[in-house]
Protein backbone atom coordinates (compact mmCIF):
# COMPACT_ATOMS: atom_id res chain seq x y z
CA UNK A 1 17.51 -6.93 -1.45
CA UNK A 2 18.26 -3.86 -3.55
CA UNK A 3 21.64 -4.00 -5.19
CA UNK A 4 24.66 -1.46 -4.16
CA UNK A 5 26.19 -0.53 -7.56
CA UNK A 6 26.72 3.03 -8.01
CA UNK A 7 26.98 2.10 -11.67
CA UNK A 8 23.28 1.94 -12.00
CA UNK A 9 22.32 4.04 -9.17
CA UNK A 10 19.49 6.67 -10.28
CA UNK A 11 20.01 10.24 -10.03
CA UNK A 12 19.52 11.41 -6.26
CA UNK A 13 16.28 13.08 -5.09
CA UNK A 14 17.13 16.52 -5.65
CA UNK A 15 18.00 15.90 -9.15
CA UNK A 16 15.18 13.63 -9.77
CA UNK A 17 12.65 15.96 -8.43
CA UNK A 18 14.24 18.81 -10.77
CA UNK A 19 14.34 16.41 -13.49
CA UNK A 20 10.29 16.19 -12.74
CA UNK A 21 9.83 19.70 -13.19
CA UNK A 22 12.04 20.14 -16.21
CA UNK A 23 9.28 17.44 -18.06
CA UNK A 24 6.30 19.19 -17.01
CA UNK A 25 5.50 18.06 -13.35
CA UNK A 26 3.85 20.92 -11.32
CA UNK A 27 6.47 22.55 -8.48
CA UNK A 28 5.07 22.46 -4.91
CA UNK A 29 6.62 23.83 -1.89
CA UNK A 30 5.74 21.00 0.40
CA UNK A 31 6.96 18.63 -2.17
CA UNK A 32 10.20 20.76 -1.95
CA UNK A 33 10.62 20.59 1.93
CA UNK A 34 10.42 17.01 1.63
CA UNK A 35 12.73 16.36 -0.78
CA UNK A 36 15.42 18.56 1.26
CA UNK A 37 14.90 15.93 3.89
CA UNK A 38 15.02 13.19 1.48
CA UNK A 39 18.49 14.77 0.17
CA UNK A 40 20.04 15.31 3.90
CA UNK A 41 19.18 11.55 4.20
CA UNK A 42 20.69 10.04 1.13
CA UNK A 43 23.94 12.25 1.59
CA UNK A 44 24.44 11.24 5.11
CA UNK A 45 23.79 7.67 4.17
CA UNK A 46 26.36 7.96 1.11
CA UNK A 47 28.47 9.30 3.83
CA UNK A 48 28.61 6.42 5.56
CA UNK A 49 27.71 8.88 8.67
CA UNK A 50 26.48 7.02 11.57
CA UNK A 51 22.94 8.09 13.95
CA UNK A 52 21.24 9.07 10.92
CA UNK A 53 17.94 10.43 11.26
CA UNK A 54 15.39 8.36 8.73
CA UNK A 55 12.16 10.32 7.20
CA UNK A 56 8.10 9.78 7.99
CA UNK A 57 6.21 11.84 5.37
CA UNK A 58 2.90 12.11 6.06
CA UNK A 59 0.06 13.98 4.68
CA UNK A 60 -3.80 13.04 2.49
CA UNK A 61 -4.06 11.00 -0.46
CA UNK A 62 -2.08 12.28 -3.88
CA UNK A 63 0.11 14.71 -2.61
CA UNK A 64 3.26 12.65 -3.85
CA UNK A 65 4.99 10.91 -0.65
CA UNK A 66 5.15 8.03 -2.50
CA UNK A 67 6.57 9.28 -5.91
CA UNK A 68 9.18 11.19 -3.39
CA UNK A 69 10.20 8.22 -1.50
CA UNK A 70 10.67 6.20 -4.92
CA UNK A 71 13.03 9.07 -5.98
CA UNK A 72 14.82 8.44 -2.50
CA UNK A 73 14.79 4.55 -2.75
CA UNK A 74 16.25 4.42 -6.69
CA UNK A 75 19.17 6.42 -5.69
CA UNK A 76 20.39 4.44 -2.97
CA UNK A 77 23.62 2.47 -3.17
CA UNK A 78 23.33 0.97 -0.03
CA UNK A 79 21.37 -2.05 0.90
CA UNK A 80 18.02 -1.21 1.24
CA UNK A 81 14.84 -3.11 1.53
CA UNK A 82 11.39 -1.31 0.08
CA UNK A 83 7.95 -3.01 0.77
CA UNK A 84 4.29 -1.60 1.09
CA UNK A 85 3.71 -1.95 5.21
CA UNK A 86 1.30 -4.72 4.63
CA UNK A 87 3.66 -7.02 2.81
CA UNK A 88 6.10 -6.08 5.86
CA UNK A 89 4.07 -6.87 8.74
CA UNK A 90 3.13 -9.93 6.57
CA UNK A 91 5.99 -11.33 6.50
CA UNK A 92 7.06 -10.11 10.05
CA UNK A 93 4.29 -12.67 11.35
CA UNK A 94 5.49 -15.37 8.88
CA UNK A 95 9.07 -14.99 10.36
CA UNK A 96 8.35 -14.70 13.75
CA UNK A 97 6.22 -17.97 13.72
CA UNK A 98 8.94 -19.37 12.28
CA UNK A 99 11.24 -18.27 15.06
CA UNK A 100 8.66 -19.86 17.34
CA UNK A 101 10.67 -21.15 20.16
CA UNK A 102 13.82 -18.89 20.13
CA UNK A 103 14.96 -16.50 23.33
CA UNK A 104 14.16 -13.22 22.38
CA UNK A 105 12.52 -13.75 18.36
CA UNK A 106 11.70 -10.33 17.44
CA UNK A 107 15.34 -9.29 18.95
CA UNK A 108 16.56 -12.29 16.32
CA UNK A 109 14.60 -10.69 13.07
CA UNK A 110 15.53 -7.06 14.23
CA UNK A 111 18.96 -8.50 13.50
CA UNK A 112 18.40 -10.44 10.36
CA UNK A 113 16.74 -6.96 8.99
CA UNK A 114 20.02 -5.41 9.84
CA UNK A 115 22.06 -7.54 8.46
CA UNK A 116 20.67 -6.92 5.07
CA UNK A 117 19.70 -3.89 4.75
CA UNK A 118 21.11 -0.42 6.25
CA UNK A 119 18.07 1.46 5.26
CA UNK A 120 13.95 0.38 5.12
CA UNK A 121 11.74 2.28 3.17
CA UNK A 122 8.00 1.51 4.15
CA UNK A 123 5.12 2.67 1.91
CA UNK A 124 1.79 3.79 3.60
CA UNK A 125 2.42 2.90 7.51
CA UNK A 126 -0.51 2.17 9.11
CA UNK A 127 -1.67 0.34 12.35
CA UNK A 128 -5.46 -1.39 12.78
CA UNK A 129 -4.62 -4.16 14.12
CA UNK A 130 -4.24 -4.71 17.83
CA UNK A 131 -2.27 -7.92 17.08
CA UNK A 132 0.45 -5.44 14.83
CA UNK A 133 0.22 -2.62 17.69
CA UNK A 134 1.68 -4.88 20.39
CA UNK A 135 4.53 -5.88 17.78
CA UNK A 136 5.41 -2.81 16.39
CA UNK A 137 5.97 -1.48 19.74
CA UNK A 138 9.02 -3.80 20.42
CA UNK A 139 10.03 -4.11 16.79
CA UNK A 140 10.36 -0.22 16.18
CA UNK A 141 12.74 0.18 19.21
CA UNK A 142 15.01 -2.91 17.74
CA UNK A 143 15.07 -1.93 14.60
CA UNK A 144 16.37 1.73 15.54
CA UNK A 145 19.20 0.05 18.09
CA UNK A 146 20.30 -1.65 15.77
CA UNK A 147 21.45 1.29 13.73
CA UNK A 148 18.78 0.68 10.55
CA UNK A 149 17.47 4.09 9.16
CA UNK A 150 13.86 4.04 8.17
CA UNK A 151 11.90 6.36 5.77
CA UNK A 152 8.06 5.74 5.67
CA UNK A 153 5.08 7.37 4.21
CA UNK A 154 1.39 7.52 5.81
CA UNK A 155 -1.93 9.31 5.20
CA UNK A 156 -1.60 10.12 9.45
CA UNK A 157 1.37 11.20 11.96
CA UNK A 158 2.80 8.77 14.69
CA UNK A 159 0.97 10.86 16.68
CA UNK A 160 -2.37 9.60 15.41
CA UNK A 161 -1.39 5.58 14.01
CA UNK A 162 -3.73 3.84 15.87
CA UNK A 163 -5.82 6.61 17.39
CA UNK A 164 -8.86 5.31 19.62
CA UNK A 165 -7.26 1.75 18.85
CA UNK A 166 -8.52 -1.30 21.56
CA UNK A 167 -4.96 -1.27 24.05
CA UNK A 168 -2.91 1.68 22.18
CA UNK A 169 -0.91 2.03 24.86
CA UNK A 170 0.85 -1.09 23.62
CA UNK A 171 1.94 1.12 20.21
CA UNK A 172 2.82 4.44 22.60
CA UNK A 173 6.67 2.75 22.70
CA UNK A 174 6.51 2.94 18.96
CA UNK A 175 5.51 6.08 18.04
CA UNK A 176 7.69 7.30 20.58
CA UNK A 177 11.01 6.08 18.43
CA UNK A 178 9.22 7.03 15.17
CA UNK A 179 9.06 10.58 16.46
CA UNK A 180 12.82 10.25 18.16
CA UNK A 181 14.53 8.83 15.53
CA UNK A 182 12.62 10.41 12.00
CA UNK A 183 12.17 13.50 10.81
CA UNK A 184 8.32 13.85 11.09
CA UNK A 185 7.33 16.15 7.94
CA UNK A 186 3.73 17.05 6.51
CA UNK A 187 3.44 16.77 2.76
CA UNK A 188 0.39 18.55 1.94
CA UNK A 189 0.28 21.41 -0.58
CA UNK A 190 -3.17 21.25 -0.97
CA UNK A 191 -3.29 19.84 -3.87
CA UNK A 192 -4.10 15.92 -4.95
CA UNK A 193 -1.11 15.63 -7.80
CA UNK A 194 -2.56 12.25 -9.30
CA UNK A 195 -5.39 14.40 -10.44
CA UNK A 196 -3.26 16.50 -12.66
CA UNK A 197 -3.81 16.49 -16.28
CA UNK A 198 -2.23 13.93 -18.51
CA UNK A 199 -3.58 11.79 -21.24
CA UNK A 200 -6.52 10.30 -20.37
CA UNK A 201 -7.09 6.32 -20.74
CA UNK A 202 -10.57 5.17 -19.28
CA UNK A 203 -10.75 2.40 -17.08
CA UNK A 204 -14.16 2.54 -15.63
CA UNK A 205 -17.58 2.94 -16.52
CA UNK A 206 -20.74 2.71 -14.96
CA UNK A 207 -22.87 -0.06 -16.45
CA UNK A 208 -20.67 -0.36 -20.09
CA UNK A 209 -19.86 -4.27 -19.73
CA UNK A 210 -19.49 -3.93 -23.94
CA UNK A 211 -16.90 -1.20 -22.90
CA UNK A 212 -14.96 -3.38 -20.66
CA UNK A 213 -15.31 -6.00 -23.37
CA UNK A 214 -13.90 -3.72 -25.79
CA UNK A 215 -11.11 -3.35 -23.65
CA UNK A 216 -10.45 -6.65 -23.06
CA UNK A 217 -10.34 -7.52 -26.58
CA UNK A 218 -8.12 -4.87 -27.55
CA UNK A 219 -5.01 -5.87 -24.76
CA UNK A 220 -5.41 -9.39 -26.58
CA UNK A 221 -2.50 -10.75 -28.20
CA UNK A 222 -3.01 -12.46 -31.54
CA UNK A 223 -1.31 -15.70 -30.81
CA UNK A 224 -3.30 -15.33 -27.00
CA UNK A 225 -5.95 -18.53 -25.64
CA UNK A 226 -8.80 -17.04 -24.13
CA UNK A 227 -10.83 -19.32 -21.82
CA UNK A 228 -13.20 -19.01 -19.23
CA UNK A 229 -12.08 -21.90 -17.16
CA UNK A 230 -11.96 -21.67 -13.29
CA UNK A 231 -8.61 -20.99 -11.05
CA UNK A 232 -7.65 -21.21 -7.70
CA UNK A 233 -6.86 -18.01 -5.12
CA UNK A 234 -5.53 -19.46 -1.78
CA UNK A 235 -8.31 -21.76 -1.31
CA UNK A 236 -11.08 -20.25 -3.10
CA UNK A 237 -12.26 -21.54 -6.33
CA UNK A 238 -12.21 -18.47 -8.95
CA UNK A 239 -14.74 -18.11 -11.46
CA UNK A 240 -14.01 -16.08 -14.22
CA UNK A 241 -15.24 -14.44 -17.56
CA UNK A 242 -12.70 -14.39 -19.35
CA UNK A 243 -9.21 -15.03 -19.00
CA UNK A 244 -5.75 -15.59 -20.94
CA UNK A 245 -2.22 -15.63 -19.58
CA UNK A 246 -1.90 -12.32 -18.97
CA UNK A 247 -5.73 -11.14 -18.55
CA UNK A 248 -7.89 -11.26 -15.76
CA UNK A 249 -11.65 -11.18 -16.08
CA UNK A 250 -14.16 -11.44 -13.16
CA UNK A 251 -17.44 -10.58 -11.77
CA UNK A 252 -16.89 -8.62 -8.20
CA UNK A 253 -18.22 -11.30 -6.49
CA UNK A 254 -15.59 -13.71 -7.14
CA UNK A 255 -12.88 -11.48 -5.31
CA UNK A 256 -14.46 -9.26 -2.99
CA UNK A 257 -16.96 -11.79 -1.95
CA UNK A 258 -14.90 -14.79 -1.38
CA UNK A 259 -12.73 -15.21 1.98
CA UNK A 260 -9.38 -13.99 0.05
CA UNK A 261 -7.03 -11.82 1.58
CA UNK A 262 -4.16 -9.14 1.29
CA UNK A 263 -2.09 -12.30 0.37
CA UNK A 264 -4.19 -13.54 -2.33
CA UNK A 265 -4.41 -10.19 -4.33
CA UNK A 266 -0.66 -10.51 -4.23
CA UNK A 267 -0.51 -13.27 -6.26
CA UNK A 268 -3.02 -12.54 -8.13
CA UNK A 269 -0.77 -9.37 -9.48
CA UNK A 270 1.92 -12.03 -9.29
CA UNK A 271 -0.03 -13.62 -12.15
CA UNK A 272 -1.67 -11.03 -14.22
CA UNK A 273 -1.12 -7.90 -15.80
CA UNK A 274 -4.20 -6.88 -16.14
CA UNK A 275 -7.49 -7.55 -14.28
CA UNK A 276 -11.17 -6.69 -15.25
CA UNK A 277 -13.99 -6.44 -12.53
CA UNK A 278 -17.61 -6.13 -13.59
CA UNK A 279 -20.99 -5.74 -11.90
CA UNK A 280 -19.53 -3.95 -9.20
CA UNK A 281 -22.08 -2.51 -6.57
CA UNK A 282 -22.88 0.42 -5.02
CA UNK A 283 -20.67 -0.30 -1.59
CA UNK A 284 -22.43 0.28 1.69
CA UNK A 285 -20.81 -0.04 4.69
CA UNK A 286 -22.63 -0.97 8.26
CA UNK A 287 -24.31 1.20 10.98
CA UNK A 288 -23.34 1.69 13.92
CA UNK A 289 -24.66 -0.61 17.01
CA UNK A 290 -23.01 -2.00 20.77
CA UNK A 291 -19.69 -1.19 21.03
CA UNK A 292 -17.28 -3.79 20.06
CA UNK A 293 -13.94 -5.65 20.85
CA UNK A 294 -11.22 -4.75 18.35
CA UNK A 295 -9.24 -7.37 17.22
CA UNK A 296 -12.07 -10.37 17.83
CA UNK A 297 -13.47 -11.75 14.02
CA UNK A 298 -14.75 -9.09 12.34
CA UNK A 299 -15.94 -7.68 15.82
CA UNK A 300 -18.60 -10.53 16.38
CA UNK A 301 -17.94 -10.53 20.02
CA UNK A 302 -19.94 -7.87 21.71
CA UNK A 303 -18.77 -6.85 24.99
CA UNK A 304 -19.49 -4.08 27.76
CA UNK A 305 -17.18 -1.00 26.81
CA UNK A 306 -18.48 1.69 28.63
CA UNK A 307 -19.24 4.34 26.37
CA UNK A 308 -16.42 3.62 23.55
CA UNK A 309 -18.43 3.05 20.17
CA UNK A 310 -16.89 1.32 17.49
CA UNK A 311 -18.57 0.65 14.11
CA UNK A 312 -19.86 -2.42 13.27
CA UNK A 313 -18.52 -4.61 10.48
CA UNK A 314 -20.71 -6.65 8.28
CA UNK A 315 -20.78 -8.86 5.55
CA UNK A 316 -20.85 -6.18 3.29
CA UNK A 317 -17.80 -4.33 5.41
CA UNK A 318 -15.53 -7.50 4.29
CA UNK A 319 -16.36 -7.12 0.43
CA UNK A 320 -15.42 -3.73 1.25
CA UNK A 321 -12.09 -4.16 3.00
CA UNK A 322 -11.36 -6.89 0.38
CA UNK A 323 -11.90 -4.10 -2.51
CA UNK A 324 -9.71 -1.99 -1.17
CA UNK A 325 -7.06 -4.53 -0.86
CA UNK A 326 -7.45 -5.27 -4.74
CA UNK A 327 -7.07 -1.65 -5.45
CA UNK A 328 -3.95 -1.24 -2.85
CA UNK A 329 -2.04 -4.26 -4.55
CA UNK A 330 -3.30 -3.55 -8.33
CA UNK A 331 -2.00 0.26 -7.78
CA UNK A 332 0.85 -0.64 -5.67
CA UNK A 333 2.14 -2.65 -8.44
CA UNK A 334 1.36 -0.86 -11.75
CA UNK A 335 -1.40 -3.18 -12.67
CA UNK A 336 -4.41 -1.50 -14.15
CA UNK A 337 -7.47 -2.29 -12.50
CA UNK A 338 -10.59 -1.89 -15.22
CA UNK A 339 -14.20 -1.28 -13.71
CA UNK A 340 -17.79 -1.92 -14.74
CA UNK A 341 -19.85 -0.56 -12.07
CA UNK A 342 -23.23 0.02 -10.87
CA UNK A 343 -22.39 3.97 -9.98
CA UNK A 344 -20.26 6.95 -10.26
CA UNK A 345 -16.57 6.50 -8.83
CA UNK A 346 -17.95 9.10 -6.28
CA UNK A 347 -20.53 7.17 -5.08
CA UNK A 348 -19.26 4.43 -5.00
CA UNK A 349 -18.83 3.49 -1.05
CA UNK A 350 -21.02 7.16 0.20
CA UNK A 351 -20.71 6.07 4.05
CA UNK A 352 -19.61 3.33 6.01
CA UNK A 353 -17.02 2.54 8.34
CA UNK A 354 -14.21 2.28 5.87
CA UNK A 355 -14.84 5.62 4.81
CA UNK A 356 -11.05 6.85 5.82
CA UNK A 357 -9.00 4.44 3.84
CA UNK A 358 -11.67 4.50 0.84
CA UNK A 359 -10.96 8.23 0.18
CA UNK A 360 -7.30 6.53 -1.02
CA UNK A 361 -9.00 3.80 -2.87
CA UNK A 362 -10.90 6.18 -5.01
CA UNK A 363 -7.65 8.80 -5.25
CA UNK A 364 -5.99 5.59 -6.80
CA UNK A 365 -9.16 4.52 -8.85
CA UNK A 366 -8.66 8.12 -10.31
CA UNK A 367 -5.08 7.80 -10.86
CA UNK A 368 -5.68 4.86 -13.03
CA UNK A 369 -7.84 6.49 -15.40
CA UNK A 370 -5.05 8.16 -17.00
CA UNK A 371 -2.52 6.69 -19.53
CA UNK A 372 0.52 6.68 -17.87
CA UNK A 373 -0.41 4.00 -15.21
CA UNK A 374 1.16 0.68 -15.95
CA UNK A 375 3.00 1.92 -18.67
CA UNK A 376 6.61 1.63 -19.13
CA UNK A 377 7.55 4.96 -17.21
CA UNK A 378 5.47 3.76 -13.75
CA UNK A 379 7.75 3.29 -11.44
CA UNK A 380 5.88 1.58 -8.86
CA UNK A 381 6.34 -1.88 -10.89
CA UNK A 382 10.19 -1.34 -10.51
CA UNK A 383 9.98 -1.36 -7.24
CA UNK A 384 8.19 -4.08 -6.28
CA UNK A 385 9.31 -6.87 -3.35
CA UNK A 386 12.55 -7.14 -3.93
CA UNK A 387 13.79 -9.73 -0.83
CA UNK A 388 12.91 -13.36 -1.54
CA UNK A 389 10.84 -14.55 0.62
CA UNK A 390 9.66 -11.03 1.95
CA UNK A 391 5.73 -11.75 0.58
């Protein structure tokens, strides 16, 4: 839980943005409009006003949505919770399982959140699973009914969430609640701010394993023990190339071709401050085939679904999904990811069913090539999960 102390509060969103501009960040009219909305919400919260509209910032990757939301979050002196949305949903599923047998567990969960926080900040709100869609249909309504203020970032407007998804009507009440209780604002000044000039620090190479080894050795401390012993992550034994207490070097197959999931990558970033990945292949996606039931295990069960075609999810897609999850977790936690790949970055995933989320992955890998990523000023590591047991 974020401490509510005005003595330690950061500048309000408006002042923080002006300070960033003064330090050399590029002015962006779309960001300015977002700052005005965040500043209004911040002032209303500080004044203790009731019935406050939240803010929903959406747009393409690299437009500064999370950066702006973090200004807002750090300035708050009211109880607040800030999480990547998939972390939050993981916690929701765990908590609902613990509440099995209780009457109206969704209302109990919403009340717990309302008792803990006045504001919920969600980074990268995205719905791709029918189970989540069903849950969110009731959960968002409960959260707003309890008076919680939501501030969120997303690559999609509310009306496009889970678009064309199986049984999407189950999510419509949540979408209506988002539109009713949040100011929806597109943040797209037409430029990817992650690509702005900055002091570069190369962390991506093509067929240069010696460069990866050099970078690993440069980060070692004199007293640090290096070895190649495997370790257990989730239920899998992970073979390593080299590792120390802080640094991990694995091959792509060790992390992306085993049965690991997002929670395992959370644990990985808890344990290691720098992650090295070698032998990253060109990632190819599945081809179109017969319609499949969304929500089944990798679409393994084919169904007669009229003319609705969904992309096949192959074993290679599993690896791509894990790679996306690994990059997302490293980026959100400010853990530099060093890669030696078979092809240049823009050729990593030329086609496939996961092309939309992979655009974000490429943008994040590009930002990791800047010196400022992972340094002492990198804000994301300061706003990591702050609620014990939140996952």
